[in-house]
Amino acid sequence: MTDTTWSSVDEYLGGKLLASDAALDGAHKASAAAGLPAIAVSPLQGRLLELIARSIGAKKVLEIGTLGGYSTICLARGVGRDGRVVSLEYEPRHAKVALASIAAAGLTDVVEVRVGKALDLLPGIADDGAGPFDLVFIDADKASNADYLDWSIRLARPGTVIIVDNVVRGGAVADPARFSPDALGNRRMFDLLEADERVDATAIQTVGSKGYDGFVYALVR
């Protein structure tokens, strides 16, 4: 099978399961027009995030990596009007695009985007009492995934779900000949999961319009 097949199946599944969505389509177009990297979650993955938030009754969500706000909108819909999403974005230009798309989706009152390096912002979140969070979605630079995971656990409560995206990277995580920052960062994260008694976790490989990758699903004890 090829990436073309995976994309075709994603298109078929999306056509069956996802209705036309002006806000999400607009977020995608705004990101592309602004020249943001095309690395946002797919529509089916975005719906999964929304459904997970709804399934666990999440009301406080932390997102590490806003990009253009596509996944942020999905998470905000999942928590509902009485919920809260705190999203961290390193690039001010990305945050500006995201905030406009979030406003167009009518979710400004639900979402707070904080701009800066996540590892600098996370201690402030711990200090200002924004948590504990019911759901954490990590989708930023993979080299720092272990650090993001550790902070996410500290900002969680028993029963919090933590999702880490892009942990397979086309198989690089398990290929000892590959030493990119992404591969090394994900291996370090899996080393943490292997030894950390604060969480139970699994990892799922995925294929689709985003290629061959995967995610971690962890539950805080």
C-alpha atoms as a PDB file:
ATOM      1  CA  MET A   1       0.000   0.000   0.000  1.00  0.00           C
ATOM      2  CA  THR A   2       1.070   3.589  -0.613  1.00  0.00           C
ATOM      3  CA  ASP A   3       0.491   7.064   0.769  1.00  0.00           C
ATOM      4  CA  THR A   4      -1.943   7.557  -2.116  1.00  0.00           C
ATOM      5  CA  THR A   5      -4.074   4.666  -0.871  1.00  0.00           C
ATOM      6  CA  TRP A   6      -3.989   5.945   2.698  1.00  0.00           C
ATOM      7  CA  SER A   7      -5.069   9.415   1.566  1.00  0.00           C
ATOM      8  CA  SER A   8      -7.863   7.993  -0.584  1.00  0.00           C
ATOM      9  CA  VAL A   9      -9.209   6.004   2.346  1.00  0.00           C
ATOM     10  CA  ASP A  10      -9.011   9.075   4.587  1.00  0.00           C
ATOM     11  CA  GLU A  11     -11.002  11.009   1.986  1.00  0.00           C
ATOM     12  CA  TYR A  12     -13.624   8.246   1.842  1.00  0.00           C
ATOM     13  CA  LEU A  13     -13.918   8.007   5.635  1.00  0.00           C
ATOM     14  CA  GLY A  14     -14.094  11.760   6.021  1.00  0.00           C
ATOM     15  CA  GLY A  15     -16.830  11.929   3.424  1.00  0.00           C
ATOM     16  CA  LYS A  16     -18.870   9.392   5.363  1.00  0.00           C
ATOM     17  CA  LEU A  17     -18.212  10.597   8.907  1.00  0.00           C
ATOM     18  CA  LEU A  18     -17.519  14.335   8.789  1.00  0.00           C
ATOM     19  CA  ALA A  19     -19.958  17.039   7.773  1.00  0.00           C
ATOM     20  CA  SER A  20     -18.894  20.164   5.935  1.00  0.00           C
ATOM     21  CA  ASP A  21     -17.265  22.486   8.469  1.00  0.00           C
ATOM     22  CA  ALA A  22     -16.718  26.136   7.565  1.00  0.00           C
ATOM     23  CA  ALA A  23     -14.682  26.945  10.680  1.00  0.00           C
ATOM     24  CA  LEU A  24     -12.216  24.100  10.264  1.00  0.00           C
ATOM     25  CA  ASP A  25     -11.979  24.610   6.515  1.00  0.00           C
ATOM     26  CA  GLY A  26     -11.318  28.275   7.186  1.00  0.00           C
ATOM     27  CA  ALA A  27      -8.590  27.456   9.711  1.00  0.00           C
ATOM     28  CA  HIS A  28      -6.899  25.181   7.190  1.00  0.00           C
ATOM     29  CA  LYS A  29      -7.071  27.810   4.432  1.00  0.00           C
ATOM     30  CA  ALA A  30      -5.839  30.580   6.726  1.00  0.00           C
ATOM     31  CA  SER A  31      -2.838  28.486   7.767  1.00  0.00           C
ATOM     32  CA  ALA A  32      -1.975  27.718   4.158  1.00  0.00           C
ATOM     33  CA  ALA A  33      -2.372  31.357   3.099  1.00  0.00           C
ATOM     34  CA  ALA A  34      -0.047  32.457   5.897  1.00  0.00           C
ATOM     35  CA  GLY A  35       2.580  29.926   4.862  1.00  0.00           C
ATOM     36  CA  LEU A  36       2.373  27.842   8.024  1.00  0.00           C
ATOM     37  CA  PRO A  37       3.769  24.308   7.721  1.00  0.00           C
ATOM     38  CA  ALA A  38       1.157  21.749   6.640  1.00  0.00           C
ATOM     39  CA  ILE A  39       1.520  19.653   9.779  1.00  0.00           C
ATOM     40  CA  ALA A  40      -1.845  20.131  11.488  1.00  0.00           C
ATOM     41  CA  VAL A  41      -3.862  17.072  12.439  1.00  0.00           C
ATOM     42  CA  SER A  42      -6.087  15.638   9.728  1.00  0.00           C
ATOM     43  CA  PRO A  43      -9.874  16.177   9.881  1.00  0.00           C
ATOM     44  CA  LEU A  44     -10.396  12.623  11.143  1.00  0.00           C
ATOM     45  CA  GLN A  45      -7.720  13.069  13.792  1.00  0.00           C
ATOM     46  CA  GLY A  46      -9.265  16.366  14.827  1.00  0.00           C
ATOM     47  CA  ARG A  47     -12.621  14.686  15.284  1.00  0.00           C
ATOM     48  CA  LEU A  48     -10.911  12.017  17.392  1.00  0.00           C
ATOM     49  CA  LEU A  49      -9.558  14.710  19.713  1.00  0.00           C
ATOM     50  CA  GLU A  50     -13.009  16.241  20.033  1.00  0.00           C
ATOM     51  CA  LEU A  51     -14.600  12.866  20.765  1.00  0.00           C
ATOM     52  CA  ILE A  52     -11.976  11.939  23.353  1.00  0.00           C
ATOM     53  CA  ALA A  53     -12.580  15.228  25.159  1.00  0.00           C
ATOM     54  CA  ARG A  54     -16.317  14.624  25.101  1.00  0.00           C
ATOM     55  CA  SER A  55     -15.981  10.966  26.088  1.00  0.00           C
ATOM     56  CA  ILE A  56     -14.010  11.708  29.255  1.00  0.00           C
ATOM     57  CA  GLY A  57     -16.019  14.812  30.122  1.00  0.00           C
ATOM     58  CA  ALA A  58     -12.952  17.046  29.861  1.00  0.00           C
ATOM     59  CA  LYS A  59     -13.445  20.641  30.952  1.00  0.00           C
ATOM     60  CA  LYS A  60      -9.820  21.731  31.230  1.00  0.00           C
ATOM     61  CA  VAL A  61      -7.488  20.979  28.323  1.00  0.00           C
ATOM     62  CA  LEU A  62      -3.832  21.817  27.819  1.00  0.00           C
ATOM     63  CA  GLU A  63      -2.486  21.859  24.268  1.00  0.00           C
ATOM     64  CA  ILE A  64       1.241  22.128  23.618  1.00  0.00           C
ATOM     65  CA  GLY A  65       1.599  23.342  20.040  1.00  0.00           C
ATOM     66  CA  THR A  66      -1.188  25.532  18.643  1.00  0.00           C
ATOM     67  CA  LEU A  67       0.086  26.011  15.085  1.00  0.00           C
ATOM     68  CA  GLY A  68      -2.856  27.472  13.119  1.00  0.00           C
ATOM     69  CA  GLY A  69      -5.522  26.502  15.645  1.00  0.00           C
ATOM     70  CA  TYR A  70      -7.094  23.541  13.819  1.00  0.00           C
ATOM     71  CA  SER A  71      -6.683  21.048  16.661  1.00  0.00           C
ATOM     72  CA  THR A  72      -7.396  23.818  19.166  1.00  0.00           C
ATOM     73  CA  ILE A  73     -10.837  24.346  17.662  1.00  0.00           C
ATOM     74  CA  CYS A  74     -11.528  20.611  17.831  1.00  0.00           C
ATOM     75  CA  LEU A  75     -10.498  20.456  21.485  1.00  0.00           C
ATOM     76  CA  ALA A  76     -12.531  23.561  22.333  1.00  0.00           C
ATOM     77  CA  ARG A  77     -15.614  22.002  20.805  1.00  0.00           C
ATOM     78  CA  GLY A  78     -14.946  18.921  22.894  1.00  0.00           C
ATOM     79  CA  VAL A  79     -14.948  20.788  26.200  1.00  0.00           C
ATOM     80  CA  GLY A  80     -18.045  22.841  25.375  1.00  0.00           C
ATOM     81  CA  ARG A  81     -18.918  26.404  26.250  1.00  0.00           C
ATOM     82  CA  ASP A  82     -18.246  25.883  29.957  1.00  0.00           C
ATOM     83  CA  GLY A  83     -14.800  24.398  29.337  1.00  0.00           C
ATOM     84  CA  ARG A  84     -11.351  25.877  28.917  1.00  0.00           C
ATOM     85  CA  VAL A  85      -8.456  25.182  26.542  1.00  0.00           C
ATOM     86  CA  VAL A  86      -5.019  26.618  27.276  1.00  0.00           C
ATOM     87  CA  SER A  87      -2.831  26.323  24.178  1.00  0.00           C
ATOM     88  CA  LEU A  88       0.894  27.099  23.999  1.00  0.00           C
ATOM     89  CA  GLU A  89       2.534  28.321  20.794  1.00  0.00           C
ATOM     90  CA  TYR A  90       6.168  29.252  20.278  1.00  0.00           C
ATOM     91  CA  GLU A  91       5.782  31.291  17.069  1.00  0.00           C
ATOM     92  CA  PRO A  92       3.913  34.622  17.427  1.00  0.00           C
ATOM     93  CA  ARG A  93       2.984  34.512  13.727  1.00  0.00           C
ATOM     94  CA  HIS A  94       1.369  31.111  14.157  1.00  0.00           C
ATOM     95  CA  ALA A  95      -0.491  32.298  17.241  1.00  0.00           C
ATOM     96  CA  LYS A  96      -1.873  35.296  15.341  1.00  0.00           C
ATOM     97  CA  VAL A  97      -3.287  33.034  12.627  1.00  0.00           C
ATOM     98  CA  ALA A  98      -4.685  30.657  15.236  1.00  0.00           C
ATOM     99  CA  LEU A  99      -6.400  33.383  17.222  1.00  0.00           C
ATOM    100  CA  ALA A 100      -8.141  34.687  14.106  1.00  0.00           C
ATOM    101  CA  SER A 101      -9.402  31.203  13.227  1.00  0.00           C
ATOM    102  CA  ILE A 102     -10.493  30.535  16.798  1.00  0.00           C
ATOM    103  CA  ALA A 103     -12.424  33.826  16.780  1.00  0.00           C
ATOM    104  CA  ALA A 104     -14.032  32.925  13.442  1.00  0.00           C
ATOM    105  CA  ALA A 105     -15.151  29.648  15.006  1.00  0.00           C
ATOM    106  CA  GLY A 106     -16.797  31.580  17.857  1.00  0.00           C
ATOM    107  CA  LEU A 107     -14.543  30.044  20.495  1.00  0.00           C
ATOM    108  CA  THR A 108     -12.574  33.015  21.831  1.00  0.00           C
ATOM    109  CA  ASP A 109     -14.221  32.699  25.239  1.00  0.00           C
ATOM    110  CA  VAL A 110     -13.151  29.040  25.503  1.00  0.00           C
ATOM    111  CA  VAL A 111      -9.527  29.261  24.325  1.00  0.00           C
ATOM    112  CA  GLU A 112      -6.488  31.038  25.735  1.00  0.00           C
ATOM    113  CA  VAL A 113      -3.355  31.021  23.569  1.00  0.00           C
ATOM    114  CA  ARG A 114      -0.119  31.725  25.413  1.00  0.00           C
ATOM    115  CA  VAL A 115       2.866  32.673  23.253  1.00  0.00           C
ATOM    116  CA  GLY A 116       6.408  31.615  24.056  1.00  0.00           C
ATOM    117  CA  LYS A 117       8.620  28.601  24.517  1.00  0.00           C
ATOM    118  CA  ALA A 118       6.474  25.908  26.108  1.00  0.00           C
ATOM    119  CA  LEU A 119       9.139  24.865  28.601  1.00  0.00           C
ATOM    120  CA  ASP A 120       9.253  28.480  29.799  1.00  0.00           C
ATOM    121  CA  LEU A 121       5.457  28.790  29.964  1.00  0.00           C
ATOM    122  CA  LEU A 122       4.663  25.507  31.714  1.00  0.00           C
ATOM    123  CA  PRO A 123       6.024  26.532  35.148  1.00  0.00           C
ATOM    124  CA  GLY A 124       3.766  29.588  35.014  1.00  0.00           C
ATOM    125  CA  ILE A 125       0.765  27.403  34.309  1.00  0.00           C
ATOM    126  CA  ALA A 126       1.640  25.363  37.378  1.00  0.00           C
ATOM    127  CA  ASP A 127       1.912  28.557  39.439  1.00  0.00           C
ATOM    128  CA  ASP A 128      -1.269  30.287  38.259  1.00  0.00           C
ATOM    129  CA  GLY A 129      -3.592  27.367  38.967  1.00  0.00           C
ATOM    130  CA  ALA A 130      -4.890  26.821  35.434  1.00  0.00           C
ATOM    131  CA  GLY A 131      -4.778  23.060  36.030  1.00  0.00           C
ATOM    132  CA  PRO A 132      -5.098  20.316  36.872  1.00  0.00           C
ATOM    133  CA  PHE A 133      -6.037  19.403  33.320  1.00  0.00           C
ATOM    134  CA  ASP A 134      -8.393  16.609  32.298  1.00  0.00           C
ATOM    135  CA  LEU A 135      -6.784  16.170  28.868  1.00  0.00           C
ATOM    136  CA  VAL A 136      -3.395  17.145  27.453  1.00  0.00           C
ATOM    137  CA  PHE A 137      -2.527  17.111  23.749  1.00  0.00           C
ATOM    138  CA  ILE A 138       1.185  17.334  22.930  1.00  0.00           C
ATOM    139  CA  ASP A 139       1.943  18.262  19.320  1.00  0.00           C
ATOM    140  CA  ALA A 140       5.019  20.480  19.279  1.00  0.00           C
ATOM    141  CA  ASP A 141       8.730  19.913  18.634  1.00  0.00           C
ATOM    142  CA  LYS A 142       9.381  16.205  19.098  1.00  0.00           C
ATOM    143  CA  ALA A 143      12.863  16.742  20.515  1.00  0.00           C
ATOM    144  CA  SER A 144      11.234  18.029  23.723  1.00  0.00           C
ATOM    145  CA  ASN A 145       8.498  15.397  24.019  1.00  0.00           C
ATOM    146  CA  ALA A 146       9.940  13.822  27.163  1.00  0.00           C
ATOM    147  CA  ASP A 147      10.017  17.200  28.905  1.00  0.00           C
ATOM    148  CA  TYR A 148       6.506  18.022  27.723  1.00  0.00           C
ATOM    149  CA  LEU A 149       5.266  14.663  28.970  1.00  0.00           C
ATOM    150  CA  ASP A 150       6.848  15.148  32.384  1.00  0.00           C
ATOM    151  CA  TRP A 151       5.258  18.568  32.745  1.00  0.00           C
ATOM    152  CA  SER A 152       1.912  17.244  31.537  1.00  0.00           C
ATOM    153  CA  ILE A 153       1.913  14.605  34.255  1.00  0.00           C
ATOM    154  CA  ARG A 154       2.758  17.224  36.867  1.00  0.00           C
ATOM    155  CA  LEU A 155      -0.164  19.351  35.651  1.00  0.00           C
ATOM    156  CA  ALA A 156      -2.579  16.409  35.656  1.00  0.00           C
ATOM    157  CA  ARG A 157      -4.775  14.549  38.129  1.00  0.00           C
ATOM    158  CA  PRO A 158      -5.559  10.845  38.476  1.00  0.00           C
ATOM    159  CA  GLY A 159      -7.549   9.941  35.360  1.00  0.00           C
ATOM    160  CA  THR A 160      -6.097  12.632  33.110  1.00  0.00           C
ATOM    161  CA  VAL A 161      -5.552  11.519  29.516  1.00  0.00           C
ATOM    162  CA  ILE A 162      -2.343  12.602  27.759  1.00  0.00           C
ATOM    163  CA  ILE A 163      -2.013  12.222  23.978  1.00  0.00           C
ATOM    164  CA  VAL A 164       1.369  12.681  22.312  1.00  0.00           C
ATOM    165  CA  ASP A 165       1.232  12.987  18.520  1.00  0.00           C
ATOM    166  CA  ASN A 166       3.826  12.039  15.885  1.00  0.00           C
ATOM    167  CA  VAL A 167       5.757   9.478  17.909  1.00  0.00           C
ATOM    168  CA  VAL A 168       6.554   6.991  15.108  1.00  0.00           C
ATOM    169  CA  ARG A 169       7.779   9.358  12.370  1.00  0.00           C
ATOM    170  CA  GLY A 170       7.791   6.863   9.553  1.00  0.00           C
ATOM    171  CA  GLY A 171       9.429   4.235  11.738  1.00  0.00           C
ATOM    172  CA  ALA A 172      12.359   6.446  12.798  1.00  0.00           C
ATOM    173  CA  VAL A 173      11.647   5.907  16.489  1.00  0.00           C
ATOM    174  CA  ALA A 174      12.612   2.228  16.234  1.00  0.00           C
ATOM    175  CA  ASP A 175      15.428   2.560  13.683  1.00  0.00           C
ATOM    176  CA  PRO A 176      18.811   2.613  15.476  1.00  0.00           C
ATOM    177  CA  ALA A 177      20.434   4.097  12.387  1.00  0.00           C
ATOM    178  CA  ARG A 178      18.341   7.273  12.581  1.00  0.00           C
ATOM    179  CA  PHE A 179      19.471  10.010  14.945  1.00  0.00           C
ATOM    180  CA  SER A 180      17.361  13.025  14.042  1.00  0.00           C
ATOM    181  CA  PRO A 181      16.222  15.269  16.919  1.00  0.00           C
ATOM    182  CA  ASP A 182      12.678  13.944  16.396  1.00  0.00           C
ATOM    183  CA  ALA A 183      13.755  10.310  16.660  1.00  0.00           C
ATOM    184  CA  LEU A 184      15.982  10.918  19.675  1.00  0.00           C
ATOM    185  CA  GLY A 185      13.323  13.008  21.404  1.00  0.00           C
ATOM    186  CA  ASN A 186      10.663  10.353  20.943  1.00  0.00           C
ATOM    187  CA  ARG A 187      12.996   7.616  22.176  1.00  0.00           C
ATOM    188  CA  ARG A 188      13.711   9.653  25.276  1.00  0.00           C
ATOM    189  CA  MET A 189       9.975  10.025  25.808  1.00  0.00           C
ATOM    190  CA  PHE A 190       9.437   6.274  25.510  1.00  0.00           C
ATOM    191  CA  ASP A 191      12.288   5.722  27.983  1.00  0.00           C
ATOM    192  CA  LEU A 192      10.395   7.959  30.394  1.00  0.00           C
ATOM    193  CA  LEU A 193       7.137   6.089  29.839  1.00  0.00           C
ATOM    194  CA  GLU A 194       8.899   2.766  30.364  1.00  0.00           C
ATOM    195  CA  ALA A 195      10.199   3.805  33.768  1.00  0.00           C
ATOM    196  CA  ASP A 196       7.504   6.197  35.005  1.00  0.00           C
ATOM    197  CA  GLU A 197       5.045   4.736  37.494  1.00  0.00           C
ATOM    198  CA  ARG A 198       2.788   7.780  37.325  1.00  0.00           C
ATOM    199  CA  VAL A 199       1.136   6.697  34.064  1.00  0.00           C
ATOM    200  CA  ASP A 200      -0.126   3.716  32.111  1.00  0.00           C
ATOM    201  CA  ALA A 201       0.319   4.091  28.362  1.00  0.00           C
ATOM    202  CA  THR A 202      -0.036   2.523  24.955  1.00  0.00           C
ATOM    203  CA  ALA A 203       1.048   3.596  21.477  1.00  0.00           C
ATOM    204  CA  ILE A 204      -0.820   3.182  18.209  1.00  0.00           C
ATOM    205  CA  GLN A 205       0.711   3.295  14.724  1.00  0.00           C
ATOM    206  CA  THR A 206      -1.355   5.208  12.161  1.00  0.00           C
ATOM    207  CA  VAL A 207      -1.519   5.691   8.399  1.00  0.00           C
ATOM    208  CA  GLY A 208      -3.556   8.225   6.465  1.00  0.00           C
ATOM    209  CA  SER A 209      -3.311  11.543   4.703  1.00  0.00           C
ATOM    210  CA  LYS A 210      -0.551  12.502   7.163  1.00  0.00           C
ATOM    211  CA  GLY A 211       1.552   9.502   6.147  1.00  0.00           C
ATOM    212  CA  TYR A 212       2.899   6.821   8.490  1.00  0.00           C
ATOM    213  CA  ASP A 213       3.102   7.887  12.117  1.00  0.00           C
ATOM    214  CA  GLY A 214       1.463   7.181  15.462  1.00  0.00           C
ATOM    215  CA  PHE A 215       0.489   8.518  18.868  1.00  0.00           C
ATOM    216  CA  VAL A 216       0.795   7.737  22.566  1.00  0.00           C
ATOM    217  CA  TYR A 217      -2.301   7.477  24.736  1.00  0.00           C
ATOM    218  CA  ALA A 218      -1.424   7.702  28.425  1.00  0.00           C
ATOM    219  CA  LEU A 219      -3.594   7.637  31.522  1.00  0.00           C
ATOM    220  CA  VAL A 220      -2.373   9.248  34.720  1.00  0.00           C
ATOM    221  CA  ARG A 221      -2.677   6.923  37.716  1.00  0.00           C
END
